Amino acid sequence: MTIRTSKKTVTFRRPFILAELDGVQPAGVYAVETDEELLEGISFPAYRRISTLIRLHAKPDRPGIVQTLYIDPKDLDAALMRDSEPVASPVDRGPLQREPETQGMAPFLKQGRELPANSNHDDREKNVTKT
């Protein structure tokens, strides 16, 4: 049986979690190793993945001790995809949270009370456009 090992580094910009790991891992660069075995008996070289390992950073309370754990490569790919997604900015949160003028009205709206006379609520309703 012929086994080949490929090594790569992956970079997480934000803390991440994988099913096989205990807790949240810090952002940073991680070494990943994949072992594959050669499939025999076919007319062209093909390999089957047999294991994937990740080397974790040393913990502050245990400097110098590095853990290497088996992981599911699909979980790693999913975590990298989540990490590559943009972080939502305040502008991306939706119309109700974007309009600061409505923030002071929440107590009145929740209790079914009328808005104060100086709220200019009628003017705001005229300027609202529905999307």
Protein backbone atom coordinates (compact mmCIF):
# COMPACT_ATOMS: atom_id res chain seq x y z
CA MET A 1 0.00 0.00 0.00
CA THR A 2 1.42 3.36 -1.08
CA ILE A 3 0.54 6.39 1.04
CA ARG A 4 1.27 10.01 0.20
CA THR A 5 1.08 12.92 2.61
CA SER A 6 0.31 16.46 1.51
CA LYS A 7 0.87 19.45 3.76
CA LYS A 8 -0.73 22.87 3.55
CA THR A 9 -1.44 25.84 5.75
CA VAL A 10 -4.85 27.39 6.24
CA THR A 11 -5.50 30.85 7.63
CA PHE A 12 -8.49 31.80 9.74
CA ARG A 13 -9.12 35.53 10.03
CA ARG A 14 -11.56 35.02 12.91
CA PRO A 15 -11.89 32.49 15.75
CA PHE A 16 -13.44 29.22 14.57
CA ILE A 17 -14.86 25.93 15.79
CA LEU A 18 -14.78 22.39 14.40
CA ALA A 19 -16.86 19.47 15.63
CA GLU A 20 -13.78 17.46 16.60
CA LEU A 21 -12.17 20.26 18.61
CA ASP A 22 -12.87 21.35 22.16
CA GLY A 23 -14.00 24.95 22.19
CA VAL A 24 -13.27 27.90 19.99
CA GLN A 25 -9.85 28.09 18.36
CA PRO A 26 -8.12 31.45 17.89
CA ALA A 27 -7.66 33.06 14.50
CA GLY A 28 -4.32 32.35 12.86
CA VAL A 29 -2.37 30.07 10.55
CA TYR A 30 -2.74 26.30 11.01
CA ALA A 31 -0.84 23.38 9.49
CA VAL A 32 -3.02 20.68 7.92
CA GLU A 33 -1.80 17.28 6.73
CA THR A 34 -3.75 14.89 4.53
CA ASP A 35 -2.83 11.22 4.02
CA GLU A 36 -4.05 9.44 0.90
CA GLU A 37 -3.54 5.87 -0.23
CA LEU A 38 -3.00 4.77 -3.82
CA LEU A 39 -5.90 2.78 -5.23
CA GLU A 40 -4.49 -0.33 -6.83
CA GLY A 41 -5.88 -2.37 -9.69
CA ILE A 42 -6.96 0.47 -11.93
CA SER A 43 -5.28 1.73 -15.10
CA PHE A 44 -4.53 5.26 -13.82
CA PRO A 45 -3.17 6.61 -10.53
CA ALA A 46 -5.93 7.58 -8.12
CA TYR A 47 -5.84 8.24 -4.40
CA ARG A 48 -8.35 7.95 -1.57
CA ARG A 49 -8.13 10.26 1.44
CA ILE A 50 -7.65 8.25 4.61
CA SER A 51 -7.01 10.98 7.20
CA THR A 52 -6.74 14.73 7.77
CA LEU A 53 -4.87 16.25 10.71
CA ILE A 54 -4.67 19.80 12.04
CA ARG A 55 -2.00 21.19 14.36
CA LEU A 56 -3.49 23.51 16.97
CA HIS A 57 -1.73 26.44 18.57
CA ALA A 58 -0.21 25.96 21.99
CA LYS A 59 -2.48 27.16 24.80
CA PRO A 60 -1.26 30.02 27.01
CA ASP A 61 -1.36 27.82 30.11
CA ARG A 62 0.63 25.06 28.31
CA PRO A 63 3.33 26.77 26.21
CA GLY A 64 5.30 24.49 23.94
CA ILE A 65 2.66 21.74 23.88
CA VAL A 66 1.01 21.50 20.48
CA GLN A 67 -1.96 19.23 19.80
CA THR A 68 -2.45 17.41 16.50
CA LEU A 69 -5.97 16.11 15.97
CA TYR A 70 -7.85 14.16 13.31
CA ILE A 71 -10.58 16.23 11.69
CA ASP A 72 -13.24 15.82 9.04
CA PRO A 73 -12.03 17.67 5.93
CA LYS A 74 -15.62 18.67 5.12
CA ASP A 75 -15.87 20.42 8.51
CA LEU A 76 -12.60 22.22 7.79
CA ASP A 77 -13.87 23.36 4.38
CA ALA A 78 -17.14 24.58 5.94
CA ALA A 79 -15.25 26.51 8.65
CA LEU A 80 -13.04 28.14 6.02
CA MET A 81 -16.12 29.13 4.02
CA ARG A 82 -17.71 30.70 7.12
CA ASP A 83 -14.46 32.54 7.81
CA SER A 84 -14.34 33.96 4.28
CA GLU A 85 -17.85 35.44 4.53
CA PRO A 86 -17.91 39.18 5.15
CA VAL A 87 -18.77 40.39 8.63
CA ALA A 88 -22.12 42.19 8.69
CA SER A 89 -21.76 45.92 9.07
CA PRO A 90 -24.38 48.10 10.79
CA VAL A 91 -25.64 49.09 7.33
CA ASP A 92 -26.37 45.42 6.47
CA ARG A 93 -28.58 44.75 9.49
CA GLY A 94 -31.95 45.68 8.05
CA PRO A 95 -34.19 48.75 7.83
CA LEU A 96 -35.49 48.81 11.42
CA GLN A 97 -32.05 48.77 12.94
CA ARG A 98 -30.63 51.26 10.45
CA GLU A 99 -33.06 54.05 11.31
CA PRO A 100 -31.72 55.70 14.48
CA GLU A 101 -34.75 57.98 14.67
CA THR A 102 -36.96 55.02 15.68
CA GLN A 103 -34.78 53.94 18.59
CA GLY A 104 -36.27 56.41 21.10
CA MET A 105 -39.84 55.39 20.21
CA ALA A 106 -39.65 51.75 21.28
CA PRO A 107 -41.23 52.26 24.75
CA PHE A 108 -44.22 54.02 23.19
CA LEU A 109 -44.70 51.51 20.38
CA LYS A 110 -44.44 48.45 22.66
CA GLN A 111 -47.00 49.78 25.14
CA GLY A 112 -49.46 50.96 22.47
CA ARG A 113 -49.16 54.54 23.68
CA GLU A 114 -49.28 57.56 21.40
CA LEU A 115 -46.03 59.10 20.34
CA PRO A 116 -45.09 62.44 21.88
CA ALA A 117 -46.29 65.48 19.94
CA ASN A 118 -42.73 66.57 19.13
CA SER A 119 -41.74 63.22 17.59
CA ASN A 120 -42.43 64.25 13.96
CA HIS A 121 -43.61 60.68 13.37
CA ASP A 122 -46.12 61.81 10.72
CA ASP A 123 -43.31 63.40 8.68
CA ARG A 124 -41.24 60.20 8.82
CA GLU A 125 -44.11 58.03 7.57
CA LYS A 126 -44.49 60.22 4.48
CA ASN A 127 -40.80 59.73 3.57
CA VAL A 128 -40.72 55.94 3.97
CA THR A 129 -40.32 53.95 0.78
CA LYS A 130 -41.15 50.28 0.69
CA THR A 131 -38.76 47.89 -1.01
